[in-house]
Structures are given as C-alpha cells and as structure tokens.
Amino acid sequence: MSSLPRPAARRRSPWWVVVGAGTANAVGPQMYMATTGVFVLPIVEDTGFSRTTVTGAYSVAAVGMVIGLIIASRLVDRYAARYVLVPAFVLFAASMATIGLTPPVEALYFVPCFFVGFFGSGTAVPATRAVVSWFDNNRALAVGIVTGIIGLGAALGPVLAGALIERVGWRQTYGYLALIAALVSVTMVTLFVRGRAERHVRGRLVQETHVGDRDVSLELPGLTFREALRTRQFWNIALGLGLVGVVVIGLQVHLVPMMTDRGLSPDQAAQLLVVFGLASLVGRVVGGLIIDRVHGSVVGPVVMLAPIAGMFFLHPPFSTAAVAVAFIGIAFGIEGDLLALLITRYLGMRNFGQIIGPVQAMFILGSAVGPLLLGVGYDQLGSYDPVIPVLMGVLVVGAILIATLGRYVYPAVDGFDRLAARDELAAAEVLSSIAEQDDAPAASDRPRPRIRG
C-alpha cells in the first residue's frame, strides 16, 4: 500500500467519543424504559387508568422504536452522526415531556409514548457507529463501556424519578427528566461524539476528501444491505442473538414471581434483579475485553449457554439463586457487545447502520415475545418448571447458530486504534485499501494491511 503525506491530524482521544456516546444515551430511551415501573401507581391514582394501560406504554414505545429503527438505520450511513443524534434526542425529550401534558384519555396517553420510542430509535445506532469507527483492536471493549454507562443510567433513573415524583408529581417529573435528557445528551454529542474521518456537506457524508494535492477515499469495507441479506452470517447473527434475547428478557421479567413461587420472599426475589443488573454491567465491560481477544464464534456460544447452568440452580437458598442469576445477567451483558462486533467482523462497516438497525428491531420484538411466552406457559401449565427445558433448547439453537459463523471476513487490523487516534485520515486510507481489495477478484485470498509503530 502506497503511503500518502500525513495531513495535520485533528488530535483527540477516541475514548472521549465512548464517554460522550454512553453518557448521552444514559439519559435516552433506556432511562425512559427503566423508569416506567416507578410511574405506574402515580399515573393510575391520578388518571384512573388500569395498570395494564400504563404498563402498556412500554410496549407502545417498543413498537415505535421498531418502526423508527427501520427509518433511522437508513440515515446513519448517509449523514454525520451529530446531524442525526441531536434532532433525535431533542424530539425524544419533547415526546417524553408531552406525556406529562396528556389529559386522562387512554388513546391520547399512548401517542407521546409511541413517539418516545420512534424518535428514541435515532439515538443509539448513530452513536454506536461513531464509536466503532474509531476502534478496531478494542472495538468490543469500547461498545461494552458505552452500554455499561447506559446501564448505569438505567439503574439510577428510577431512583431519580422516584425522588422527583414525591416532590413534584408524575407530570412535572416527566418534564424534568425530559429537560435533563435534552441538556445532557445534546451537550455530550456536541462536545464529544463524531465519527472518525467524518467529512460532510451540510450533514450529508461524502466518500472522498481532498488533502494537499491528493484525494483521500473514505470508502469503508463491507457489504451493502442487500448483499448482507443474502449471507448466512446475517441470519445466524440475527436469529442467534435474537433467541438469546427471548430467553434472557423473559427470565428477567418473570424472575420475581418465579422465585417467590419457589420459596424466596418478595424482598429477596426483588434483590435478584439488582444482582442481574450488576452482573450485566460487569459482563458488558469484561465481555468486551474478552471478545476483542478471543474469537466471537467461540466466546458467543459459551456465554449463550451460561444461562442454562444458571437455570439448573435457579432455586432457594438466596445465595444459590443469586449465583444463578449472575450467570444469566453476565450473558445478557456480553450479548450486547457481540452484536456490534459480529456485524462489523462478518458484514463490515460500509452499511453498518442499515444492517444493525433491522437486527436490533428483531431483538426488540424478541424481547417483547419472551415475557409473553413465559406468561402463557405459566397460565396454561400452572408452573414455570415445564417451560425451563424449552428455554434451554432455545439457547442451544442460538449457540449453534453463532458457533457456525466461521472465520472473520473483516478481522481487526493490527495497530489500527493507535493510528486512528494519531491520524484519522491515515486510518481511512487503510480501510479504503481493504475496500478496494474486496472489490477486486479473489479478494478473500489477499492479506490484510498490518500497521506497525
């Protein structure tokens, strides 16, 4: 690969992009979802709605997010990150504030909830794309830290919401949460979040930039969305991780009633949710470290089978149940790291947004199906026990799908992270050369660039 004269680098630590993306999304849709339960009783008492109506807002928001992801994913690869993120966060916050203004009419109550999910869908994928653009050698770790910060926000959100509700009531609380979401997210995005080598004209990304007397290609290696749909890897990733989501989210939602049925007190059962949350936070960061060093098709199946071990020990005493729940929580945390990494390793970065958007939409739908399946199983069979072997079988199928992905199509380039931090356009040259090789005959037999120094 020929070398270009090095342009003056715009120096910044890429880890600030990680902090900015994580903090912005910590006050985004995940905070809304995490605080829904805190609002149930105050809204019921004030409006006369049923609990089913109030909790149904979560499902309505999820539907809005699925629809929004399909649209947002097409914008991510075409526009600079901030041009998508800032409007999405502002409109998300405005929608959340509107919930507190709705009259006690059920149909009207669901409208802003839908738009919370719809506009919230434009907050995560652009931030993830910006983060992964800076990292190749530590990509899973970077994504893990982002999701860890988001998880921390989801854990603290209910505490903040509960304190505000006691002071100002549920309606004003939604307004305060919306104000916090808008101020924090827009500040973090504006100051820190930008894709590597991002060049645009009025927000629309360009594929080439002029440096000195040379044109530098910003083309990224990878498949188009239509090409990805024709690959076995796309469907293995989508279905494999989606099946795990069905099981893990189903277990999370039904954990408290399941464990009280098995003899734990309600307080002990509720404490297991704290164990689950902490374990998932650990899994996100530690999992990122591991996945960057051990092949995803090896780590993935091991992690996906871990909840099976947990389900065998999901019974009293509390200490045994806590260890079992920790296994399930760690698997949930690591799974979030796997999604972005596997897509970039097997399908590339060229149409990252268009590819990951539908996969995340499938995961959201799966997470909605999981609790329903366990609920139906319990109602029909009178116990959760007959359902557990079915969940284990689902996990085995998911693990097989990930284990059979094969070798990475787009493995990490040695030394890429250091080069990107030092000179982002020089890193762009490396990636564009890989993209050129992919378009050439017998590209799969050609060695990838290796960066030294």
Protein backbone atom coordinates (compact mmCIF):
# COMPACT_ATOMS: atom_id res chain seq x y z
CA MET A 1 0.00 0.00 0.00
CA SER A 2 1.47 3.35 -1.01
CA SER A 3 1.82 5.99 1.66
CA LEU A 4 0.34 9.48 1.47
CA PRO A 5 1.80 12.60 3.03
CA ARG A 6 0.39 12.77 6.51
CA PRO A 7 -2.16 15.59 6.88
CA ALA A 8 -2.28 17.64 10.04
CA ALA A 9 -4.14 15.41 12.43
CA ARG A 10 -7.02 16.59 14.49
CA ARG A 11 -5.89 15.01 17.73
CA ARG A 12 -8.39 13.71 20.22
CA SER A 13 -8.64 10.65 22.39
CA PRO A 14 -11.24 8.34 20.85
CA TRP A 15 -12.21 7.27 24.36
CA TRP A 16 -13.94 10.63 24.78
CA VAL A 17 -16.26 9.55 21.97
CA VAL A 18 -17.08 6.48 24.09
CA VAL A 19 -17.79 8.61 27.17
CA GLY A 20 -19.91 11.06 25.19
CA ALA A 21 -21.95 8.38 23.41
CA GLY A 22 -22.53 6.43 26.62
CA THR A 23 -23.49 9.43 28.72
CA ALA A 24 -25.84 10.82 26.06
CA ASN A 25 -27.68 7.51 25.76
CA ALA A 26 -27.73 7.00 29.54
CA VAL A 27 -30.41 9.73 29.65
CA GLY A 28 -32.08 8.49 26.49
CA PRO A 29 -34.72 5.81 25.78
CA GLN A 30 -33.23 3.31 28.23
CA MET A 31 -33.85 5.76 31.06
CA TYR A 32 -37.49 6.09 29.97
CA MET A 33 -37.94 2.32 29.79
CA ALA A 34 -36.22 1.77 33.15
CA THR A 35 -38.41 4.32 34.95
CA THR A 36 -41.77 3.13 33.57
CA GLY A 37 -42.48 1.00 36.63
CA VAL A 38 -41.97 3.94 39.01
CA PHE A 39 -44.74 5.89 37.28
CA VAL A 40 -47.36 3.12 37.29
CA LEU A 41 -49.07 3.79 40.65
CA PRO A 42 -48.94 7.62 40.49
CA ILE A 43 -50.47 7.63 36.99
CA VAL A 44 -53.13 5.07 37.95
CA GLU A 45 -54.12 7.11 41.00
CA ASP A 46 -54.22 10.41 39.09
CA THR A 47 -55.92 9.31 35.87
CA GLY A 48 -57.91 6.22 36.77
CA PHE A 49 -56.15 4.22 34.05
CA SER A 50 -55.67 0.50 34.67
CA ARG A 51 -52.20 -0.84 35.37
CA THR A 52 -52.40 -2.70 32.07
CA THR A 53 -52.86 0.61 30.25
CA VAL A 54 -49.96 2.32 32.00
CA THR A 55 -47.54 -0.59 31.59
CA GLY A 56 -48.75 -0.96 28.01
CA ALA A 57 -46.93 2.30 27.28
CA TYR A 58 -43.70 0.26 27.34
CA SER A 59 -44.98 -1.96 24.53
CA VAL A 60 -46.26 1.03 22.55
CA ALA A 61 -42.84 2.68 22.84
CA ALA A 62 -41.20 -0.57 21.73
CA VAL A 63 -43.39 -0.64 18.62
CA GLY A 64 -42.45 2.96 17.89
CA MET A 65 -38.79 2.09 18.29
CA VAL A 66 -39.01 -0.85 15.88
CA ILE A 67 -40.61 1.36 13.22
CA GLY A 68 -38.16 4.17 13.90
CA LEU A 69 -35.14 1.86 13.66
CA ILE A 70 -36.02 0.94 10.10
CA ILE A 71 -36.02 4.64 9.15
CA ALA A 72 -33.09 5.77 11.32
CA SER A 73 -30.85 2.95 10.12
CA ARG A 74 -31.06 4.34 6.59
CA LEU A 75 -29.97 7.79 7.75
CA VAL A 76 -26.98 6.63 9.79
CA ASP A 77 -24.80 5.70 6.82
CA ARG A 78 -25.71 8.85 4.90
CA TYR A 79 -25.44 11.66 7.45
CA ALA A 80 -22.87 12.80 10.01
CA ALA A 81 -23.58 11.44 13.48
CA ARG A 82 -24.49 14.78 15.08
CA TYR A 83 -26.98 15.60 12.33
CA VAL A 84 -28.97 12.52 13.33
CA LEU A 85 -28.27 12.40 17.06
CA VAL A 86 -29.12 15.98 18.07
CA PRO A 87 -32.59 16.10 16.42
CA ALA A 88 -33.36 12.59 17.67
CA PHE A 89 -32.50 13.41 21.29
CA VAL A 90 -34.39 16.73 21.21
CA LEU A 91 -37.53 15.14 19.71
CA PHE A 92 -37.27 12.20 22.11
CA ALA A 93 -37.10 14.60 25.07
CA ALA A 94 -40.01 16.66 23.74
CA SER A 95 -42.10 13.50 23.38
CA MET A 96 -41.31 12.45 26.95
CA ALA A 97 -42.27 15.88 28.28
CA THR A 98 -45.57 15.65 26.36
CA ILE A 99 -46.56 12.54 28.35
CA GLY A 100 -46.97 14.76 31.41
CA LEU A 101 -49.29 17.09 29.48
CA THR A 102 -51.73 14.50 28.16
CA PRO A 103 -55.30 14.51 29.52
CA PRO A 104 -56.68 11.33 31.18
CA VAL A 105 -57.72 9.76 27.88
CA GLU A 106 -56.13 6.38 27.15
CA ALA A 107 -55.82 6.84 23.38
CA LEU A 108 -54.11 10.20 23.81
CA TYR A 109 -51.80 8.85 26.53
CA PHE A 110 -50.31 6.31 24.11
CA VAL A 111 -49.48 8.87 21.39
CA PRO A 112 -46.43 10.54 23.03
CA CYS A 113 -45.31 7.11 24.31
CA PHE A 114 -45.17 5.90 20.72
CA PHE A 115 -43.07 8.90 19.69
CA VAL A 116 -40.72 8.41 22.64
CA GLY A 117 -39.76 5.09 21.05
CA PHE A 118 -39.94 6.35 17.48
CA PHE A 119 -37.56 9.28 17.99
CA GLY A 120 -35.55 7.40 20.60
CA SER A 121 -34.61 4.88 17.91
CA GLY A 122 -32.38 7.53 16.34
CA THR A 123 -30.17 7.86 19.42
CA ALA A 124 -28.38 4.52 19.75
CA VAL A 125 -27.33 3.35 16.27
CA PRO A 126 -25.62 6.62 15.16
CA ALA A 127 -23.70 6.72 18.46
CA THR A 128 -22.64 3.08 18.09
CA ARG A 129 -21.49 3.69 14.52
CA ALA A 130 -19.43 6.68 15.65
CA VAL A 131 -17.77 4.62 18.39
CA VAL A 132 -16.91 1.59 16.25
CA SER A 133 -15.48 3.84 13.53
CA TRP A 134 -12.63 4.81 15.91
CA PHE A 135 -11.86 1.32 17.19
CA ASP A 136 -10.85 -1.94 15.59
CA ASN A 137 -8.50 -3.60 18.08
CA ASN A 138 -10.58 -2.60 21.13
CA ARG A 139 -13.95 -2.40 19.42
CA ALA A 140 -15.90 -4.72 21.73
CA LEU A 141 -14.44 -3.06 24.83
CA ALA A 142 -15.46 0.38 23.55
CA VAL A 143 -19.01 -0.81 22.87
CA GLY A 144 -19.07 -2.55 26.25
CA ILE A 145 -18.15 0.65 28.08
CA VAL A 146 -20.87 2.56 26.20
CA THR A 147 -23.52 0.00 27.11
CA GLY A 148 -22.17 -0.11 30.66
CA ILE A 149 -22.65 3.65 31.07
CA ILE A 150 -26.15 3.30 29.61
CA GLY A 151 -26.90 0.50 32.08
CA LEU A 152 -25.71 2.68 34.93
CA GLY A 153 -28.09 5.41 33.80
CA ALA A 154 -30.93 2.88 33.66
CA ALA A 155 -30.11 1.80 37.22
CA LEU A 156 -30.03 5.36 38.60
CA GLY A 157 -33.02 6.61 36.59
CA PRO A 158 -35.72 5.01 38.79
CA VAL A 159 -34.09 6.48 41.91
CA LEU A 160 -34.13 9.98 40.42
CA ALA A 161 -37.66 9.59 39.06
CA GLY A 162 -38.96 8.31 42.40
CA ALA A 163 -37.49 11.27 44.30
CA LEU A 164 -38.94 13.75 41.80
CA ILE A 165 -42.40 12.17 41.86
CA GLU A 166 -42.55 12.56 45.62
CA ARG A 167 -41.67 16.25 45.33
CA VAL A 168 -43.46 17.50 42.19
CA GLY A 169 -45.76 14.71 41.00
CA TRP A 170 -45.52 12.44 37.97
CA ARG A 171 -46.46 15.03 35.34
CA GLN A 172 -43.72 17.52 36.21
CA THR A 173 -41.28 14.68 36.72
CA TYR A 174 -41.58 13.74 33.05
CA GLY A 175 -40.83 17.37 32.24
CA TYR A 176 -37.70 17.41 34.42
CA LEU A 177 -36.48 14.10 33.00
CA ALA A 178 -37.01 15.45 29.50
CA LEU A 179 -35.05 18.61 30.33
CA ILE A 180 -32.18 16.53 31.73
CA ALA A 181 -32.25 14.27 28.67
CA ALA A 182 -32.11 17.19 26.24
CA LEU A 183 -29.39 19.16 28.03
CA VAL A 184 -27.08 16.25 28.83
CA SER A 185 -27.42 14.44 25.52
CA VAL A 186 -27.04 17.48 23.27
CA THR A 187 -24.05 18.68 25.29
CA MET A 188 -22.31 15.28 25.18
CA VAL A 189 -22.99 14.79 21.47
CA THR A 190 -21.88 18.29 20.53
CA LEU A 191 -18.68 18.14 22.55
CA PHE A 192 -17.54 14.57 22.06
CA VAL A 193 -19.41 12.42 19.55
CA ARG A 194 -18.08 12.38 15.99
CA GLY A 195 -17.29 9.59 13.59
CA ARG A 196 -13.66 9.04 12.61
CA ALA A 197 -12.70 10.83 9.37
CA GLU A 198 -16.24 12.15 9.09
CA ARG A 199 -16.48 14.61 6.22
CA HIS A 200 -19.80 16.01 5.08
CA VAL A 201 -21.56 18.68 3.03
CA ARG A 202 -24.44 20.17 5.04
CA GLY A 203 -24.57 17.00 7.07
CA ARG A 204 -24.52 14.51 4.20
CA LEU A 205 -21.44 12.28 4.29
CA VAL A 206 -19.03 12.30 1.38
CA GLN A 207 -16.90 9.37 0.27
CA GLU A 208 -13.80 11.35 -0.64
CA THR A 209 -11.89 14.32 0.74
CA HIS A 210 -9.07 16.44 -0.69
CA VAL A 211 -5.82 16.56 1.32
CA GLY A 212 -2.90 18.56 -0.03
CA ASP A 213 -2.63 17.57 -3.68
CA ARG A 214 -4.30 14.18 -3.21
CA ASP A 215 -7.84 12.84 -2.97
CA VAL A 216 -8.28 10.52 0.00
CA SER A 217 -11.02 7.89 -0.22
CA LEU A 218 -13.27 7.49 2.81
CA GLU A 219 -14.85 4.31 1.46
CA LEU A 220 -15.42 1.64 4.11
CA PRO A 221 -15.03 -2.11 3.60
CA GLY A 222 -18.12 -4.26 3.88
CA LEU A 223 -21.30 -5.44 2.24
CA THR A 224 -24.32 -3.46 1.17
CA PHE A 225 -27.55 -4.20 2.99
CA ARG A 226 -28.89 -6.28 0.13
CA GLU A 227 -25.66 -8.26 -0.07
CA ALA A 228 -25.76 -8.84 3.69
CA LEU A 229 -29.30 -10.21 3.48
CA ARG A 230 -28.04 -12.90 1.11
CA THR A 231 -25.40 -14.16 3.56
CA ARG A 232 -25.77 -16.95 6.09
CA GLN A 233 -23.89 -14.86 8.66
CA PHE A 234 -26.54 -12.12 8.73
CA TRP A 235 -29.31 -14.56 9.59
CA ASN A 236 -27.16 -16.55 12.02
CA ILE A 237 -26.34 -13.37 13.95
CA ALA A 238 -29.91 -12.01 13.89
CA LEU A 239 -31.58 -15.27 14.87
CA GLY A 240 -28.85 -16.49 17.23
CA LEU A 241 -28.70 -13.34 19.36
CA GLY A 242 -32.44 -12.77 18.99
CA LEU A 243 -33.20 -16.18 20.51
CA VAL A 244 -31.00 -15.40 23.49
CA GLY A 245 -32.90 -12.13 23.94
CA VAL A 246 -36.21 -14.02 24.02
CA VAL A 247 -34.95 -16.22 26.87
CA VAL A 248 -33.00 -13.70 28.94
CA ILE A 249 -35.58 -10.89 28.81
CA GLY A 250 -38.34 -13.40 29.54
CA LEU A 251 -36.48 -14.63 32.60
CA GLN A 252 -35.73 -11.08 33.76
CA VAL A 253 -39.39 -10.01 33.61
CA HIS A 254 -40.68 -13.15 35.33
CA LEU A 255 -37.81 -13.53 37.79
CA VAL A 256 -39.61 -12.11 40.85
CA PRO A 257 -42.83 -14.16 40.58
CA MET A 258 -40.84 -17.25 39.59
CA MET A 259 -38.61 -17.09 42.65
CA THR A 260 -41.44 -16.27 45.06
CA ASP A 261 -43.21 -19.37 43.73
CA ARG A 262 -40.06 -21.33 44.54
CA GLY A 263 -39.88 -20.12 48.14
CA LEU A 264 -38.00 -16.83 48.30
CA SER A 265 -39.54 -13.82 49.99
CA PRO A 266 -40.68 -10.95 47.74
CA ASP A 267 -37.79 -8.78 49.02
CA GLN A 268 -35.23 -11.48 48.26
CA ALA A 269 -36.70 -12.04 44.81
CA ALA A 270 -36.53 -8.29 44.10
CA GLN A 271 -32.88 -8.23 45.20
CA LEU A 272 -32.14 -10.75 42.46
CA LEU A 273 -32.98 -8.05 39.91
CA VAL A 274 -30.19 -5.94 41.41
CA VAL A 275 -27.84 -8.92 41.05
CA PHE A 276 -28.96 -9.28 37.43
CA GLY A 277 -28.28 -5.61 36.70
CA LEU A 278 -24.84 -5.58 38.32
CA ALA A 279 -23.84 -8.82 36.57
CA SER A 280 -24.91 -7.44 33.20
CA LEU A 281 -22.80 -4.31 33.80
CA VAL A 282 -19.76 -6.45 34.59
CA GLY A 283 -20.49 -8.63 31.57
CA ARG A 284 -20.54 -5.65 29.23
CA VAL A 285 -17.08 -4.40 30.18
CA VAL A 286 -15.31 -7.69 30.90
CA GLY A 287 -17.01 -9.27 27.91
CA GLY A 288 -15.63 -6.52 25.68
CA LEU A 289 -12.09 -7.24 26.88
CA ILE A 290 -12.51 -10.95 26.16
CA ILE A 291 -14.25 -10.66 22.80
CA ASP A 292 -11.50 -8.42 21.44
CA ARG A 293 -9.01 -11.20 22.18
CA VAL A 294 -10.96 -14.42 21.65
CA HIS A 295 -12.96 -15.17 18.50
CA GLY A 296 -16.63 -14.24 18.79
CA SER A 297 -17.80 -17.61 17.49
CA VAL A 298 -16.03 -19.18 20.48
CA VAL A 299 -16.99 -16.67 23.19
CA GLY A 300 -20.57 -16.31 21.94
CA PRO A 301 -21.72 -19.92 22.35
CA VAL A 302 -20.02 -20.28 25.74
CA VAL A 303 -21.76 -17.15 27.01
CA MET A 304 -25.09 -18.11 25.46
CA LEU A 305 -25.04 -21.48 27.18
CA ALA A 306 -24.18 -19.95 30.58
CA PRO A 307 -27.85 -19.22 31.41
CA ILE A 308 -28.53 -22.95 31.12
CA ALA A 309 -26.20 -23.54 34.06
CA GLY A 310 -27.96 -20.70 35.83
CA MET A 311 -31.41 -22.21 35.27
CA PHE A 312 -30.33 -25.50 36.87
CA PHE A 313 -29.57 -23.63 40.11
CA LEU A 314 -32.39 -21.09 39.99
CA HIS A 315 -33.91 -22.12 43.34
CA PRO A 316 -33.52 -21.33 47.06
CA PRO A 317 -31.49 -20.57 49.09
CA PHE A 318 -30.92 -16.94 48.10
CA SER A 319 -27.15 -17.37 47.68
CA THR A 320 -27.61 -20.18 45.14
CA ALA A 321 -30.25 -18.22 43.24
CA ALA A 322 -28.00 -15.12 43.20
CA VAL A 323 -25.15 -17.07 41.57
CA ALA A 324 -27.58 -18.47 39.01
CA VAL A 325 -28.96 -15.02 38.20
CA ALA A 326 -25.41 -13.67 37.89
CA PHE A 327 -24.74 -16.23 35.12
CA ILE A 328 -27.84 -15.06 33.28
CA GLY A 329 -27.00 -11.36 33.77
CA ILE A 330 -23.42 -11.74 32.53
CA ALA A 331 -24.72 -13.46 29.39
CA PHE A 332 -27.14 -10.58 28.79
CA GLY A 333 -24.35 -8.03 29.17
CA ILE A 334 -21.88 -9.75 26.85
CA GLU A 335 -24.57 -10.29 24.23
CA GLY A 336 -24.77 -6.51 23.71
CA ASP A 337 -21.05 -6.43 22.90
CA LEU A 338 -21.37 -9.32 20.48
CA LEU A 339 -23.99 -7.73 18.24
CA ALA A 340 -21.97 -4.75 17.02
CA LEU A 341 -18.73 -6.72 16.88
CA LEU A 342 -20.09 -9.67 14.88
CA ILE A 343 -21.80 -7.41 12.37
CA THR A 344 -18.61 -5.44 11.71
CA ARG A 345 -16.43 -8.58 11.60
CA TYR A 346 -18.65 -10.55 9.21
CA LEU A 347 -20.56 -7.89 7.26
CA GLY A 348 -18.26 -4.87 7.53
CA MET A 349 -18.82 -1.16 8.09
CA ARG A 350 -19.99 0.02 4.66
CA ASN A 351 -23.72 -0.19 5.52
CA PHE A 352 -23.38 -0.71 9.27
CA GLY A 353 -26.46 1.35 10.14
CA GLN A 354 -28.75 -0.29 7.61
CA ILE A 355 -27.65 -3.75 8.77
CA ILE A 356 -27.68 -3.33 12.55
CA GLY A 357 -30.99 -1.44 12.58
CA PRO A 358 -33.19 -4.36 11.43
CA VAL A 359 -31.23 -6.77 13.64
CA GLN A 360 -31.88 -4.59 16.68
CA ALA A 361 -35.53 -4.31 15.66
CA MET A 362 -35.74 -8.11 15.60
CA PHE A 363 -34.13 -8.21 19.05
CA ILE A 364 -36.67 -5.73 20.44
CA LEU A 365 -39.52 -7.81 19.04
CA GLY A 366 -37.95 -10.91 20.55
CA SER A 367 -37.65 -9.21 23.93
CA ALA A 368 -41.36 -8.46 23.76
CA VAL A 369 -42.19 -12.07 22.86
CA GLY A 370 -40.11 -13.65 25.66
CA PRO A 371 -42.16 -12.42 28.64
CA LEU A 372 -45.38 -13.24 26.79
CA LEU A 373 -44.29 -16.83 26.12
CA LEU A 374 -43.35 -17.43 29.75
CA GLY A 375 -46.61 -15.88 30.89
CA VAL A 376 -48.68 -18.07 28.57
CA GLY A 377 -46.68 -21.14 29.60
CA TYR A 378 -47.35 -20.43 33.26
CA ASP A 379 -51.06 -19.78 32.72
CA GLN A 380 -51.51 -22.97 30.69
CA LEU A 381 -49.31 -25.31 32.73
CA GLY A 382 -49.65 -23.80 36.20
CA SER A 383 -45.88 -23.56 36.75
CA TYR A 384 -42.73 -22.19 35.18
CA ASP A 385 -40.91 -25.53 35.55
CA PRO A 386 -42.20 -27.17 32.33
CA VAL A 387 -41.13 -24.09 30.36
CA ILE A 388 -37.49 -24.17 31.52
CA PRO A 389 -36.39 -27.09 29.26
CA VAL A 390 -37.87 -25.24 26.28
CA LEU A 391 -35.82 -22.15 27.15
CA MET A 392 -32.69 -24.29 27.41
CA GLY A 393 -33.36 -25.73 23.97
CA VAL A 394 -33.78 -22.22 22.52
CA LEU A 395 -30.38 -21.23 23.95
CA VAL A 396 -28.73 -24.31 22.45
CA VAL A 397 -30.11 -23.43 19.00
CA GLY A 398 -28.86 -19.85 19.35
CA ALA A 399 -25.40 -21.02 20.44
CA ILE A 400 -25.16 -23.35 17.43
CA LEU A 401 -26.04 -20.51 15.05
CA ILE A 402 -23.24 -18.32 16.44
CA ALA A 403 -20.72 -21.20 16.68
CA THR A 404 -21.09 -21.94 12.96
CA LEU A 405 -20.39 -18.38 11.72
CA GLY A 406 -16.87 -19.32 10.56
CA ARG A 407 -13.77 -17.15 10.36
CA TYR A 408 -13.96 -13.37 10.41
CA VAL A 409 -14.39 -11.78 6.99
CA TYR A 410 -13.13 -8.41 8.29
CA PRO A 411 -10.63 -9.16 11.10
CA ALA A 412 -9.06 -6.37 13.12
CA VAL A 413 -6.14 -4.54 11.52
CA ASP A 414 -3.07 -4.63 13.76
CA GLY A 415 -2.32 -1.17 15.18
CA PHE A 416 -5.48 0.46 13.80
CA ASP A 417 -6.60 2.06 17.09
CA ARG A 418 -3.26 3.81 17.61
CA LEU A 419 -3.23 5.09 14.04
CA ALA A 420 -6.85 6.32 14.21
CA ALA A 421 -6.09 8.25 17.41
CA ARG A 422 -2.98 9.80 15.83
CA ASP A 423 -4.20 10.43 12.27
CA GLU A 424 -7.79 9.60 11.39
CA LEU A 425 -7.36 10.16 7.65
CA ALA A 426 -4.37 7.83 7.54
CA ALA A 427 -6.61 5.21 9.14
CA ALA A 428 -9.16 5.96 6.42
CA GLU A 429 -6.55 5.07 3.81
CA VAL A 430 -6.07 1.66 5.40
CA LEU A 431 -9.79 0.93 5.32
CA SER A 432 -10.25 2.21 1.79
CA SER A 433 -7.46 -0.08 0.63
CA ILE A 434 -9.32 -3.03 2.17
CA ALA A 435 -12.50 -1.88 0.41
CA GLU A 436 -10.60 -1.81 -2.88
CA GLN A 437 -9.30 -5.34 -2.27
CA ASP A 438 -12.84 -6.53 -1.56
CA ASP A 439 -13.98 -5.21 -4.93
CA ALA A 440 -11.10 -6.92 -6.73
CA PRO A 441 -11.15 -10.55 -7.91
CA ALA A 442 -10.06 -13.20 -5.39
CA ALA A 443 -10.17 -10.56 -2.65
CA SER A 444 -10.60 -13.15 0.09
CA ASP A 445 -7.16 -14.58 -0.66
CA ARG A 446 -5.33 -11.29 -0.24
CA PRO A 447 -3.59 -10.37 3.02
CA ARG A 448 -4.99 -7.55 5.12
CA PRO A 449 -2.84 -4.47 5.84
CA ARG A 450 -0.85 -4.51 9.08
CA ILE A 451 0.09 -1.23 10.77
CA ARG A 452 3.39 -1.04 12.56
CA GLY A 453 4.60 1.55 15.03
